[in-house]
Amino acid sequence: MRLMVVDDDKQIREGITYGIQWENLGIDEAVCFKDGFDALAGAKLKSFDIALLDISMPGMTGIELLQELKKLSPQIAVVLISGFEEFEYARMGMRYGALDYISKPIHLDELTKTVSEVAEKCRKERKDADIVGETERNAFVQKLFHGVKLQTKEVKAFLTGECGFSQSGVFLGVLLRSDVPDALFLDEECFSIVVRKMTEYLGGSQHRYFQVGKEEWYLLIHTVDSALYIFNLKTQVRRMLEKINEELPAGRGISAAIVAPFDAAGLAGSYHKASAMLERTFFEGAKCCLEEGGIRGEDLKECVEKSVGGINGHVTENGGSKENGGLKENGGEALARLHGQCIRQFHLFSDQELEEWVDAVQKELYKGTKSAAQSFIQVNLAELLSKHAIGGREEWQENIFDAVYFDEMMLVWRKCLQNLKEEVNGMSGYSKEVRQVMRFVKEHYAEKISVEQIAEKMEISAGHLSRVFKAETENSLKKYINKVRIDQATYLLQNTNMKVYEVAERVGIPDYLYFTQVFKNVTAKTPLEVRKETQGNERR
C-alpha cells in the first residue's frame, strides 16, 4: 500500500513522511510532495492508495488536488489536513470524496490512528472488489454447476474472456472441500494460506478458482493434452494439498478430488464428478486427495457377488453345497448373507469369530456409500437387539451416526457388538475373571479343554477358579463348557446336514454315546429329536 503526503510546509511534510514507521500500519511506501502540481505529476507516474492533503497550498488547493486525484484514481482514499479557520473547506472536501480530516496542529497519535483506520478500510474495499469480480465469474460457473444448460460457445467465451484462458488445450479440475463444516474458505487466515500455496505450486500454469460455497472451491487449471505434463501437474496439486494442510490451523483440513482432463464442454460434468468422488472421504479419511480412476472400492450395485467362507471354518454343509457360514445359498448378495449369518449365529460367536465377521462386513461396506454403510449397521443392530429382547441402546445408534469417518464408525460398532455379545451370552455383570473364562470357553469349546487347563492358562488354582465361577454364575464350570458345546451342536443340527457323530466331533465331544447323554441332560431331547423337529418345521 502506497501513501502520498502533500504540504507546502517542508517541516510538516517531511516530519509526517519520515517521522512515522508506516510499515507498522501496512504502508509499504510513503512519498512527500511540496504542492499540488508536484503531487499530481507523481500520481500520473505511479498509483497511490492513500493521500494526506493540506487544504491551504499555493497554486492548487487541497480541495482542487482531491478532485484531480479522484479523476485519475477513483479508489484513492483522501485525508485532509486543515487549520481551524478552514473547517468549512474540510467539510466541502468530504462532499468531494475525502474520508476524513485532521486539524492542525497535528498530533502524531491522531494521525497514525486515522491513517490506520483508512488503510484498513482500503484493504477491505479492495478485498470486497475482488470478491465482487470473482462473484460475477462464479455466477456463470454456478449456472453450470447447478444444471443450467449453456452452449459450448458460451462456456468457451467465458473461459477465454472472463478467465483469461487460451483457446487451445484441455483443463484439469480440482474440487477442494473443507473436511469440517466450518466455513474454512471464508476465514481470512485459511484463505491466505490456500491462495499462497496455489501461487507457489501452480504459478507456472494458468489457473482460476471459483468459490462454490463456504466449504468448497473449484480449481480450474489449463493444461495441454500430454500424459507426462498432466501427470506432473497432478503431482504438483497433491504436493500443494499436503502443504496447505500442513499450514492450516489445528483442526482444519482440506480434501481434494482431481478429475481427468476435459474440454470446455465437459466443465459442468467435471464438477459433479468431483463432488461425487469426494463422498469417498468418509472412507478415505481427512486430508485425502482422490484421483479419478484411482479410488479404491466399487459401487455396491456393481459388485460381483462374492462367496464368504465359514467363520473360522467351523460350520459346513454336506451334500455338495457350498460352505458359507452355515447359511444355505439362495443367490443373495454378500452383505445379505453376512447379515443373516450374524442374526442366526451371533450368540455362538467367540471374540475371534466376531472380529472375523466384522472384518468381512467392513470389506463389503467399503465398496459402497456412507448412507449404505450406516443403514446396514442400523438394521443389523436393530434386529440383534430385537431378537435377543434387549431394549434401549438408542445411544449406540447416535454414536454410530455421529462418526465422521468410516474407521471411526467401525470402531464404535465393534464396541457395541462386543457389549451386546456379553449381554447375550450372559457375561454382563460378571467379574473380569469370570468373563475371561467365558470368552476362553467360547473360543476353545471345540478343543479338549478342562477346568485344570483353563486354570493353568489364567495362572490360578483349579479349586479357586471353580469356586469363583460357581459363586457368580450358580453353575459349575464343567456344566458351562457343556452348555456352550451343546448350544453350538444344536445350531449345527438345525442348520446343516452334518451327521450327528460329525457334530459331536465338531463341538469337542468325539464320544457319540457320551455326546448324546450330555445333549439330553442340557436340552431334555436327543440330537435326533432336534434334527427331526427341524425337518418337520421346514416341511410345514
Protein backbone atom coordinates (compact mmCIF):
# COMPACT_ATOMS: atom_id res chain seq x y z
CA MET A 1 0.00 0.00 0.00
CA ARG A 2 1.39 3.42 -1.04
CA LEU A 3 0.87 6.80 0.74
CA MET A 4 1.40 10.39 -0.55
CA VAL A 5 1.89 13.37 1.76
CA VAL A 6 1.29 16.83 0.21
CA ASP A 7 2.05 20.01 2.21
CA ASP A 8 3.82 23.24 1.31
CA ASP A 9 5.42 23.28 4.75
CA LYS A 10 8.62 21.23 4.35
CA GLN A 11 8.96 20.56 8.07
CA ILE A 12 5.42 19.19 8.31
CA ARG A 13 5.52 17.03 5.17
CA GLU A 14 8.94 15.53 5.93
CA GLY A 15 8.07 15.06 9.58
CA ILE A 16 4.96 13.09 8.58
CA THR A 17 6.75 11.15 5.82
CA TYR A 18 9.89 10.15 7.67
CA GLY A 19 8.93 10.55 11.32
CA ILE A 20 6.44 7.66 11.44
CA GLN A 21 7.12 3.94 10.92
CA TRP A 22 4.48 3.50 8.27
CA GLU A 23 5.35 -0.16 7.65
CA ASN A 24 3.82 -0.94 11.05
CA LEU A 25 0.49 0.28 9.65
CA GLY A 26 0.77 -1.77 6.49
CA ILE A 27 2.07 1.15 4.38
CA ASP A 28 4.88 -0.10 2.15
CA GLU A 29 5.94 3.32 0.81
CA ALA A 30 5.38 6.97 1.86
CA VAL A 31 6.27 9.77 -0.63
CA CYS A 32 6.11 13.52 0.08
CA PHE A 33 5.26 16.33 -2.41
CA LYS A 34 5.69 20.09 -1.93
CA ASP A 35 2.49 21.21 -3.76
CA GLY A 36 -0.50 20.06 -5.75
CA PHE A 37 1.19 20.19 -9.16
CA ASP A 38 4.12 18.12 -7.96
CA ALA A 39 1.73 15.59 -6.37
CA LEU A 40 -0.45 15.35 -9.49
CA ALA A 41 2.59 14.68 -11.68
CA GLY A 42 3.71 11.94 -9.25
CA ALA A 43 0.25 10.34 -9.23
CA LYS A 44 0.39 10.03 -13.03
CA LEU A 45 3.65 8.05 -12.79
CA LYS A 46 2.60 5.61 -10.04
CA SER A 47 -0.62 4.80 -8.25
CA PHE A 48 -1.27 5.73 -4.61
CA ASP A 49 -3.77 4.19 -2.22
CA ILE A 50 -3.93 6.96 0.42
CA ALA A 51 -3.29 10.72 0.21
CA LEU A 52 -2.72 13.20 3.08
CA LEU A 53 -3.50 16.65 1.61
CA ASP A 54 -3.04 20.05 3.17
CA ILE A 55 -6.07 22.18 2.23
CA SER A 56 -4.27 25.52 2.11
CA MET A 57 -1.48 25.40 -0.51
CA PRO A 58 -0.37 27.97 -3.11
CA GLY A 59 -1.23 27.37 -6.78
CA MET A 60 -3.58 24.41 -6.19
CA THR A 61 -5.58 23.90 -3.03
CA GLY A 62 -6.03 20.57 -1.37
CA ILE A 63 -9.68 20.52 -2.49
CA GLU A 64 -8.67 21.06 -6.13
CA LEU A 65 -5.98 18.38 -5.86
CA LEU A 66 -8.55 16.00 -4.33
CA GLN A 67 -10.79 16.43 -7.36
CA GLU A 68 -7.94 15.79 -9.82
CA LEU A 69 -6.72 12.74 -7.95
CA LYS A 70 -10.21 11.24 -7.94
CA LYS A 71 -10.32 11.63 -11.73
CA LEU A 72 -7.06 9.69 -12.03
CA SER A 73 -7.89 7.05 -9.42
CA PRO A 74 -11.46 6.95 -8.03
CA GLN A 75 -10.41 4.40 -5.37
CA ILE A 76 -7.76 6.64 -3.73
CA ALA A 77 -8.54 7.37 -0.06
CA VAL A 78 -8.01 11.04 0.88
CA VAL A 79 -7.49 12.55 4.35
CA LEU A 80 -7.44 16.37 4.52
CA ILE A 81 -5.22 18.40 6.83
CA SER A 82 -6.87 21.70 7.81
CA GLY A 83 -6.44 24.68 10.09
CA PHE A 84 -9.24 25.77 12.43
CA GLU A 85 -10.43 28.53 10.12
CA GLU A 86 -10.55 26.03 7.20
CA PHE A 87 -13.19 23.79 8.77
CA GLU A 88 -15.81 24.62 6.15
CA TYR A 89 -13.31 23.73 3.43
CA ALA A 90 -12.78 20.40 5.15
CA ARG A 91 -16.50 19.74 5.03
CA MET A 92 -16.51 20.63 1.36
CA GLY A 93 -13.70 18.11 0.84
CA MET A 94 -15.82 15.41 2.47
CA ARG A 95 -18.51 16.10 -0.12
CA TYR A 96 -15.95 15.57 -2.88
CA GLY A 97 -14.98 12.18 -1.51
CA ALA A 98 -12.47 12.75 1.32
CA LEU A 99 -12.78 10.07 4.01
CA ASP A 100 -11.59 12.13 6.98
CA TYR A 101 -9.73 15.26 8.04
CA ILE A 102 -7.16 16.19 10.68
CA SER A 103 -6.92 19.60 12.30
CA LYS A 104 -3.67 21.45 12.84
CA PRO A 105 -1.59 21.39 14.91
CA ILE A 106 -1.08 17.71 14.02
CA HIS A 107 -0.82 15.15 16.82
CA LEU A 108 1.02 12.00 15.75
CA ASP A 109 -1.28 9.69 17.73
CA GLU A 110 -4.35 11.09 15.99
CA LEU A 111 -2.61 10.98 12.61
CA THR A 112 -1.48 7.35 12.90
CA LYS A 113 -4.89 6.28 14.21
CA THR A 114 -6.70 7.99 11.31
CA VAL A 115 -4.37 6.61 8.63
CA SER A 116 -4.53 3.13 10.18
CA GLU A 117 -8.34 3.15 10.01
CA VAL A 118 -8.31 4.45 6.44
CA ALA A 119 -5.75 1.82 5.40
CA GLU A 120 -7.88 -0.94 6.90
CA LYS A 121 -10.93 0.39 5.08
CA CYS A 122 -8.95 0.42 1.81
CA ARG A 123 -7.88 -3.17 2.30
CA LYS A 124 -11.46 -4.24 2.97
CA GLU A 125 -12.80 -2.37 -0.06
CA ARG A 126 -10.09 -3.89 -2.24
CA LYS A 127 -10.93 -7.36 -0.98
CA ASP A 128 -14.65 -6.70 -1.48
CA ALA A 129 -13.97 -5.51 -5.02
CA ASP A 130 -12.01 -8.69 -5.71
CA ILE A 131 -14.84 -10.74 -4.29
CA VAL A 132 -17.40 -8.89 -6.45
CA GLY A 133 -15.33 -9.60 -9.56
CA GLU A 134 -14.86 -13.19 -8.55
CA THR A 135 -18.56 -13.47 -7.71
CA GLU A 136 -19.50 -12.35 -11.21
CA ARG A 137 -17.26 -15.03 -12.65
CA ASN A 138 -18.61 -17.52 -10.13
CA ALA A 139 -22.19 -16.72 -11.13
CA PHE A 140 -21.61 -18.11 -14.60
CA VAL A 141 -19.95 -21.23 -13.24
CA GLN A 142 -22.76 -21.72 -10.71
CA LYS A 143 -25.17 -21.96 -13.62
CA LEU A 144 -23.12 -24.83 -14.96
CA PHE A 145 -22.76 -26.48 -11.57
CA HIS A 146 -26.48 -26.30 -10.90
CA GLY A 147 -27.56 -27.81 -14.18
CA VAL A 148 -28.39 -24.73 -16.29
CA LYS A 149 -27.76 -25.76 -19.88
CA LEU A 150 -25.34 -23.45 -21.67
CA GLN A 151 -23.98 -23.66 -25.16
CA THR A 152 -20.37 -24.71 -25.55
CA LYS A 153 -19.54 -21.42 -27.28
CA GLU A 154 -20.80 -19.55 -24.20
CA VAL A 155 -18.55 -21.62 -21.96
CA LYS A 156 -15.57 -21.09 -24.25
CA ALA A 157 -16.23 -17.33 -24.35
CA PHE A 158 -16.36 -17.26 -20.55
CA LEU A 159 -13.16 -19.26 -20.14
CA THR A 160 -11.22 -17.12 -22.60
CA GLY A 161 -12.81 -13.72 -21.92
CA GLU A 162 -13.52 -13.69 -18.18
CA CYS A 163 -10.92 -16.19 -17.00
CA GLY A 164 -8.14 -15.40 -19.46
CA PHE A 165 -7.53 -18.96 -20.61
CA SER A 166 -6.19 -19.56 -24.08
CA GLN A 167 -8.35 -21.23 -26.73
CA SER A 168 -6.30 -24.42 -27.10
CA GLY A 169 -5.60 -27.20 -24.67
CA VAL A 170 -7.65 -29.01 -22.04
CA PHE A 171 -8.43 -28.45 -18.37
CA LEU A 172 -7.77 -30.25 -15.14
CA GLY A 173 -10.48 -29.86 -12.49
CA VAL A 174 -9.73 -29.98 -8.75
CA LEU A 175 -12.50 -29.69 -6.16
CA LEU A 176 -11.22 -28.56 -2.76
CA ARG A 177 -13.57 -29.21 0.15
CA SER A 178 -13.22 -28.46 3.86
CA ASP A 179 -13.15 -31.65 5.93
CA VAL A 180 -15.17 -29.98 8.69
CA PRO A 181 -18.19 -27.70 8.04
CA ASP A 182 -16.65 -24.54 9.47
CA ALA A 183 -16.60 -22.01 6.59
CA LEU A 184 -12.87 -22.58 6.13
CA PHE A 185 -12.68 -20.73 2.81
CA LEU A 186 -14.22 -17.60 4.33
CA ASP A 187 -11.62 -17.49 7.11
CA GLU A 188 -9.04 -14.82 6.23
CA GLU A 189 -6.07 -16.78 7.59
CA CYS A 190 -7.06 -20.01 5.82
CA PHE A 191 -7.94 -18.11 2.65
CA SER A 192 -4.46 -16.58 2.60
CA ILE A 193 -2.75 -19.96 3.08
CA VAL A 194 -4.68 -21.62 0.25
CA VAL A 195 -4.08 -18.77 -2.21
CA ARG A 196 -0.37 -18.55 -1.33
CA LYS A 197 0.17 -22.27 -1.84
CA MET A 198 -1.77 -22.21 -5.11
CA THR A 199 0.51 -19.46 -6.37
CA GLU A 200 3.60 -21.32 -5.15
CA TYR A 201 2.77 -24.67 -6.74
CA LEU A 202 0.69 -23.63 -9.75
CA GLY A 203 2.38 -20.33 -10.59
CA GLY A 204 3.68 -21.75 -13.86
CA SER A 205 0.20 -22.77 -15.03
CA GLN A 206 -2.87 -20.79 -15.97
CA HIS A 207 -5.41 -21.42 -13.25
CA ARG A 208 -8.55 -19.93 -11.74
CA TYR A 209 -10.51 -20.90 -8.66
CA PHE A 210 -14.26 -20.47 -8.13
CA GLN A 211 -15.96 -20.08 -4.76
CA VAL A 212 -18.65 -22.76 -4.80
CA GLY A 213 -19.66 -22.22 -1.19
CA LYS A 214 -18.34 -21.77 2.33
CA GLU A 215 -16.81 -25.23 2.21
CA GLU A 216 -15.76 -25.63 -1.45
CA TRP A 217 -13.51 -24.17 -4.11
CA TYR A 218 -13.36 -25.47 -7.66
CA LEU A 219 -9.90 -25.05 -9.14
CA LEU A 220 -9.62 -24.99 -12.92
CA ILE A 221 -6.14 -25.48 -14.39
CA HIS A 222 -5.31 -25.03 -18.07
CA THR A 223 -3.07 -27.76 -19.41
CA VAL A 224 -2.03 -29.46 -22.62
CA ASP A 225 -3.01 -32.87 -23.93
CA SER A 226 0.17 -34.58 -22.79
CA ALA A 227 0.16 -37.56 -20.42
CA LEU A 228 3.54 -36.59 -18.94
CA TYR A 229 2.58 -32.95 -18.47
CA ILE A 230 -0.73 -33.88 -16.84
CA PHE A 231 1.00 -36.41 -14.58
CA ASN A 232 3.42 -33.73 -13.37
CA LEU A 233 0.56 -31.28 -12.88
CA LYS A 234 -1.35 -33.77 -10.74
CA THR A 235 1.80 -34.31 -8.67
CA GLN A 236 2.00 -30.55 -8.09
CA VAL A 237 -1.64 -30.49 -6.97
CA ARG A 238 -1.04 -33.31 -4.48
CA ARG A 239 2.03 -31.53 -3.07
CA MET A 240 0.06 -28.28 -2.88
CA LEU A 241 -2.66 -30.01 -0.86
CA GLU A 242 -0.10 -31.54 1.52
CA LYS A 243 1.50 -28.15 2.17
CA ILE A 244 -1.87 -26.42 2.62
CA ASN A 245 -2.88 -28.98 5.23
CA GLU A 246 0.49 -28.65 7.00
CA GLU A 247 -0.01 -24.90 7.41
CA LEU A 248 -3.72 -24.75 8.22
CA PRO A 249 -4.55 -24.18 11.91
CA ALA A 250 -5.13 -27.24 14.10
CA GLY A 251 -8.50 -28.86 13.50
CA ARG A 252 -8.73 -27.57 9.93
CA GLY A 253 -8.16 -29.65 6.82
CA ILE A 254 -8.95 -29.87 3.11
CA SER A 255 -9.57 -32.88 0.89
CA ALA A 256 -9.42 -32.77 -2.89
CA ALA A 257 -10.72 -34.65 -5.92
CA ILE A 258 -8.81 -34.44 -9.20
CA VAL A 259 -10.92 -35.03 -12.29
CA ALA A 260 -9.50 -36.45 -15.52
CA PRO A 261 -8.72 -33.82 -18.21
CA PHE A 262 -11.70 -32.40 -20.12
CA ASP A 263 -12.53 -29.71 -22.67
CA ALA A 264 -14.87 -26.73 -22.32
CA ALA A 265 -17.92 -28.88 -22.98
CA GLY A 266 -17.06 -31.09 -20.02
CA LEU A 267 -16.79 -28.33 -17.40
CA ALA A 268 -20.22 -28.89 -15.83
CA GLY A 269 -19.84 -32.65 -15.65
CA SER A 270 -16.35 -32.35 -14.16
CA TYR A 271 -17.66 -30.59 -11.04
CA HIS A 272 -20.42 -33.13 -10.42
CA LYS A 273 -17.96 -35.96 -10.93
CA ALA A 274 -15.52 -34.41 -8.45
CA SER A 275 -18.29 -33.81 -5.92
CA ALA A 276 -19.33 -37.47 -6.10
CA MET A 277 -15.70 -38.53 -5.69
CA LEU A 278 -15.36 -36.51 -2.50
CA GLU A 279 -18.14 -38.52 -0.90
CA ARG A 280 -15.40 -41.14 -0.55
CA THR A 281 -13.65 -39.02 2.08
CA PHE A 282 -15.93 -40.77 4.60
CA PHE A 283 -13.99 -43.94 3.81
CA GLU A 284 -10.58 -42.49 2.95
CA GLY A 285 -10.31 -40.09 5.91
CA ALA A 286 -9.45 -36.39 6.29
CA LYS A 287 -6.96 -34.52 4.10
CA CYS A 288 -7.14 -37.11 1.33
CA CYS A 289 -6.50 -36.48 -2.35
CA LEU A 290 -8.68 -38.60 -4.62
CA GLU A 291 -7.99 -39.02 -8.31
CA GLU A 292 -10.44 -40.16 -10.97
CA GLY A 293 -9.65 -43.76 -11.79
CA GLY A 294 -7.56 -44.11 -8.65
CA ILE A 295 -10.23 -44.57 -5.96
CA ARG A 296 -10.25 -47.93 -4.24
CA GLY A 297 -13.56 -49.73 -3.89
CA GLU A 298 -16.58 -50.10 -6.13
CA ASP A 299 -20.24 -49.19 -6.04
CA LEU A 300 -22.21 -51.89 -4.27
CA LYS A 301 -24.68 -52.06 -7.17
CA GLU A 302 -21.84 -53.04 -9.48
CA CYS A 303 -20.23 -55.54 -7.15
CA VAL A 304 -19.88 -59.09 -8.35
CA GLU A 305 -21.37 -61.35 -5.72
CA LYS A 306 -18.60 -62.98 -3.73
CA SER A 307 -18.99 -66.02 -1.52
CA VAL A 308 -17.97 -65.65 2.09
CA GLY A 309 -16.42 -68.71 3.72
CA GLY A 310 -17.49 -70.03 7.08
CA ILE A 311 -16.33 -68.00 10.04
CA ASN A 312 -13.18 -69.67 11.34
CA GLY A 313 -14.04 -72.70 9.15
CA HIS A 314 -16.19 -74.36 11.81
CA VAL A 315 -19.56 -74.55 10.01
CA THR A 316 -20.07 -76.57 6.81
CA GLU A 317 -22.80 -78.07 4.69
CA ASN A 318 -22.61 -81.52 3.16
CA GLY A 319 -24.28 -82.87 0.07
CA GLY A 320 -22.14 -80.86 -2.34
CA SER A 321 -23.47 -77.48 -1.24
CA LYS A 322 -21.11 -74.55 -0.83
CA GLU A 323 -19.50 -73.76 2.54
CA ASN A 324 -20.77 -70.38 3.63
CA GLY A 325 -21.17 -69.83 7.32
CA GLY A 326 -23.89 -72.47 7.69
CA LEU A 327 -26.33 -70.48 5.58
CA LYS A 328 -27.87 -72.16 2.53
CA GLU A 329 -27.10 -70.22 -0.62
CA ASN A 330 -30.10 -68.56 -2.24
CA GLY A 331 -28.16 -66.23 -4.56
CA GLY A 332 -28.27 -63.23 -2.18
CA GLU A 333 -25.54 -60.57 -2.03
CA ALA A 334 -22.59 -60.90 0.31
CA LEU A 335 -23.90 -58.36 2.81
CA ALA A 336 -27.29 -60.05 2.99
CA ARG A 337 -25.61 -63.39 3.70
CA LEU A 338 -23.37 -61.87 6.35
CA HIS A 339 -26.31 -60.16 8.00
CA GLY A 340 -28.33 -63.37 8.10
CA GLN A 341 -25.38 -65.29 9.47
CA CYS A 342 -24.98 -62.80 12.29
CA ILE A 343 -28.65 -62.80 13.26
CA ARG A 344 -28.74 -66.61 13.44
CA GLN A 345 -25.35 -67.27 14.99
CA PHE A 346 -24.46 -64.16 16.99
CA HIS A 347 -24.88 -65.84 20.38
CA LEU A 348 -22.38 -68.52 19.32
CA PHE A 349 -19.63 -66.20 18.10
CA SER A 350 -16.37 -66.23 20.02
CA ASP A 351 -14.46 -62.94 20.20
CA GLN A 352 -12.23 -64.03 17.35
CA GLU A 353 -15.16 -65.16 15.22
CA LEU A 354 -16.95 -61.86 15.82
CA GLU A 355 -13.85 -59.94 14.75
CA GLU A 356 -13.55 -62.03 11.59
CA TRP A 357 -17.22 -61.47 10.81
CA VAL A 358 -16.92 -57.69 11.25
CA ASP A 359 -13.79 -57.67 9.08
CA ALA A 360 -15.75 -59.42 6.30
CA VAL A 361 -18.59 -56.89 6.60
CA GLN A 362 -16.16 -53.97 6.66
CA LYS A 363 -14.62 -55.14 3.39
CA GLU A 364 -18.06 -55.17 1.75
CA LEU A 365 -19.25 -51.88 3.26
CA TYR A 366 -16.13 -50.14 1.99
CA LYS A 367 -17.31 -50.73 -1.58
CA GLY A 368 -20.49 -48.71 -1.12
CA THR A 369 -21.57 -45.34 0.17
CA LYS A 370 -21.75 -43.69 3.57
CA SER A 371 -25.54 -43.96 3.75
CA ALA A 372 -25.45 -47.62 2.71
CA ALA A 373 -22.90 -48.43 5.42
CA GLN A 374 -24.89 -46.59 8.09
CA SER A 375 -28.13 -48.27 7.02
CA PHE A 376 -26.61 -51.76 7.17
CA ILE A 377 -25.26 -51.19 10.69
CA GLN A 378 -28.52 -49.62 11.84
CA VAL A 379 -30.61 -52.56 10.60
CA ASN A 380 -28.14 -55.14 11.92
CA LEU A 381 -28.11 -53.70 15.43
CA ALA A 382 -31.89 -53.21 15.49
CA GLU A 383 -32.54 -56.85 14.55
CA LEU A 384 -29.98 -58.18 17.02
CA LEU A 385 -31.49 -56.14 19.85
CA SER A 386 -34.99 -57.24 18.86
CA LYS A 387 -34.12 -60.93 18.58
CA HIS A 388 -32.43 -61.01 21.96
CA ALA A 389 -35.12 -58.84 23.61
CA ILE A 390 -32.71 -56.11 24.68
CA GLY A 391 -34.32 -52.68 24.84
CA GLY A 392 -32.91 -49.18 24.82
CA ARG A 393 -29.41 -48.62 23.48
CA GLU A 394 -30.55 -45.58 21.44
CA GLU A 395 -27.18 -44.01 22.20
CA TRP A 396 -25.49 -46.75 20.16
CA GLN A 397 -27.23 -45.60 17.00
CA GLU A 398 -26.47 -41.96 17.81
CA ASN A 399 -22.77 -42.67 18.32
CA ILE A 400 -22.59 -44.54 15.02
CA PHE A 401 -24.23 -41.71 13.08
CA ASP A 402 -22.06 -39.12 14.83
CA ALA A 403 -18.90 -40.78 13.49
CA VAL A 404 -17.23 -38.53 10.93
CA TYR A 405 -15.24 -41.23 9.14
CA PHE A 406 -15.68 -44.90 8.29
CA ASP A 407 -12.89 -46.24 10.53
CA GLU A 408 -14.32 -44.31 13.47
CA MET A 409 -17.80 -45.69 12.79
CA MET A 410 -16.47 -49.25 12.60
CA LEU A 411 -14.69 -48.88 15.95
CA VAL A 412 -17.91 -47.68 17.57
CA TRP A 413 -19.87 -50.55 16.01
CA ARG A 414 -17.33 -53.17 17.11
CA LYS A 415 -17.60 -51.90 20.67
CA CYS A 416 -21.41 -52.03 20.51
CA LEU A 417 -21.32 -55.61 19.21
CA GLN A 418 -18.85 -56.68 21.89
CA ASN A 419 -21.02 -55.19 24.64
CA LEU A 420 -24.11 -56.79 23.12
CA LYS A 421 -22.40 -60.17 22.89
CA GLU A 422 -21.52 -60.06 26.57
CA GLU A 423 -25.14 -59.34 27.42
CA VAL A 424 -26.46 -62.03 25.09
CA ASN A 425 -24.01 -64.60 26.42
CA GLY A 426 -24.85 -63.72 29.98
CA MET A 427 -21.42 -62.26 30.69
CA SER A 428 -22.68 -58.81 31.60
CA GLY A 429 -22.40 -58.12 35.30
CA TYR A 430 -19.74 -60.74 35.96
CA SER A 431 -16.25 -60.05 37.21
CA LYS A 432 -13.37 -59.63 34.78
CA GLU A 433 -12.03 -63.02 35.84
CA VAL A 434 -15.29 -64.86 35.05
CA ARG A 435 -15.76 -63.01 31.74
CA GLN A 436 -12.26 -64.09 30.77
CA VAL A 437 -13.19 -67.72 31.44
CA MET A 438 -16.39 -67.42 29.41
CA ARG A 439 -14.51 -65.94 26.44
CA PHE A 440 -11.92 -68.70 26.59
CA VAL A 441 -14.62 -71.37 26.54
CA LYS A 442 -16.39 -69.68 23.60
CA GLU A 443 -13.15 -69.66 21.61
CA HIS A 444 -11.92 -73.19 22.52
CA TYR A 445 -15.07 -75.26 23.07
CA ALA A 446 -14.19 -77.48 20.07
CA GLU A 447 -10.91 -78.46 21.71
CA LYS A 448 -10.23 -80.84 24.56
CA ILE A 449 -10.42 -78.42 27.48
CA SER A 450 -10.80 -78.94 31.24
CA VAL A 451 -11.08 -76.84 34.36
CA GLU A 452 -7.41 -77.56 35.10
CA GLN A 453 -6.28 -76.34 31.66
CA ILE A 454 -8.27 -73.12 31.98
CA ALA A 455 -6.93 -72.52 35.49
CA GLU A 456 -3.37 -73.05 34.26
CA LYS A 457 -3.98 -70.60 31.42
CA MET A 458 -5.18 -67.98 33.88
CA GLU A 459 -2.38 -68.79 36.35
CA ILE A 460 -4.71 -69.56 39.26
CA SER A 461 -5.64 -72.79 41.04
CA ALA A 462 -8.40 -75.00 39.65
CA GLY A 463 -10.17 -75.01 43.01
CA HIS A 464 -10.21 -71.22 43.27
CA LEU A 465 -11.43 -70.92 39.68
CA SER A 466 -14.28 -73.38 40.22
CA ARG A 467 -15.40 -71.64 43.43
CA VAL A 468 -15.35 -68.14 41.89
CA PHE A 469 -17.17 -69.28 38.74
CA LYS A 470 -19.92 -71.11 40.63
CA ALA A 471 -20.35 -68.29 43.14
CA GLU A 472 -21.07 -65.80 40.37
CA THR A 473 -22.94 -67.97 37.84
CA GLU A 474 -24.54 -70.56 40.15
CA ASN A 475 -23.28 -73.22 37.73
CA SER A 476 -20.16 -75.30 37.67
CA LEU A 477 -17.56 -74.51 35.03
CA LYS A 478 -17.91 -78.04 33.63
CA LYS A 479 -21.66 -77.52 33.11
CA TYR A 480 -20.96 -74.17 31.41
CA ILE A 481 -18.50 -75.81 29.00
CA ASN A 482 -21.06 -78.47 28.14
CA LYS A 483 -23.80 -75.87 27.61
CA VAL A 484 -21.64 -73.88 25.18
CA ARG A 485 -20.87 -77.09 23.26
CA ILE A 486 -24.49 -78.19 23.12
CA ASP A 487 -25.69 -74.71 22.02
CA GLN A 488 -23.30 -74.93 19.11
CA ALA A 489 -24.31 -78.54 18.39
CA THR A 490 -27.98 -77.52 18.33
CA TYR A 491 -27.21 -74.82 15.79
CA LEU A 492 -25.35 -77.28 13.56
CA LEU A 493 -28.13 -79.86 13.77
CA GLN A 494 -30.73 -77.27 12.82
CA ASN A 495 -28.81 -75.50 10.05
CA THR A 496 -26.57 -78.09 8.37
CA ASN A 497 -26.76 -81.63 7.01
CA MET A 498 -23.87 -82.84 9.14
CA LYS A 499 -24.22 -86.30 10.68
CA VAL A 500 -24.74 -86.44 14.44
CA TYR A 501 -21.32 -88.00 15.02
CA GLU A 502 -19.75 -85.23 12.88
CA VAL A 503 -21.48 -82.61 15.02
CA ALA A 504 -20.21 -84.34 18.15
CA GLU A 505 -16.65 -84.23 16.88
CA ARG A 506 -17.00 -80.61 15.79
CA VAL A 507 -18.04 -79.40 19.24
CA GLY A 508 -15.30 -81.25 21.11
CA ILE A 509 -17.18 -84.38 22.33
CA PRO A 510 -15.99 -87.14 19.96
CA ASP A 511 -17.60 -89.97 22.00
CA TYR A 512 -21.02 -90.36 20.32
CA LEU A 513 -22.76 -92.01 23.31
CA TYR A 514 -21.35 -89.51 25.80
CA PHE A 515 -22.33 -86.66 23.44
CA THR A 516 -25.92 -87.94 23.29
CA GLN A 517 -26.03 -88.19 27.07
CA VAL A 518 -24.71 -84.65 27.60
CA PHE A 519 -27.02 -83.30 24.89
CA LYS A 520 -30.09 -84.80 26.59
CA ASN A 521 -29.01 -83.53 30.02
CA VAL A 522 -28.80 -79.96 28.65
CA THR A 523 -31.81 -79.89 26.29
CA ALA A 524 -34.03 -82.74 27.57
CA LYS A 525 -34.00 -84.04 23.98
CA THR A 526 -31.78 -86.29 21.92
CA PRO A 527 -29.82 -84.94 18.92
CA LEU A 528 -32.02 -86.94 16.53
CA GLU A 529 -35.19 -85.50 18.05
CA VAL A 530 -33.88 -81.95 17.47
CA ARG A 531 -32.95 -82.84 13.87
CA LYS A 532 -36.44 -84.34 13.21
CA GLU A 533 -38.19 -81.30 14.71
CA THR A 534 -36.21 -79.00 12.44
CA GLN A 535 -37.01 -81.07 9.35
CA GLY A 536 -40.68 -81.16 10.31
CA ASN A 537 -40.79 -77.37 10.67
CA GLU A 538 -39.19 -76.95 7.23
CA ARG A 539 -41.84 -79.21 5.62
CA ARG A 540 -44.59 -77.15 7.23
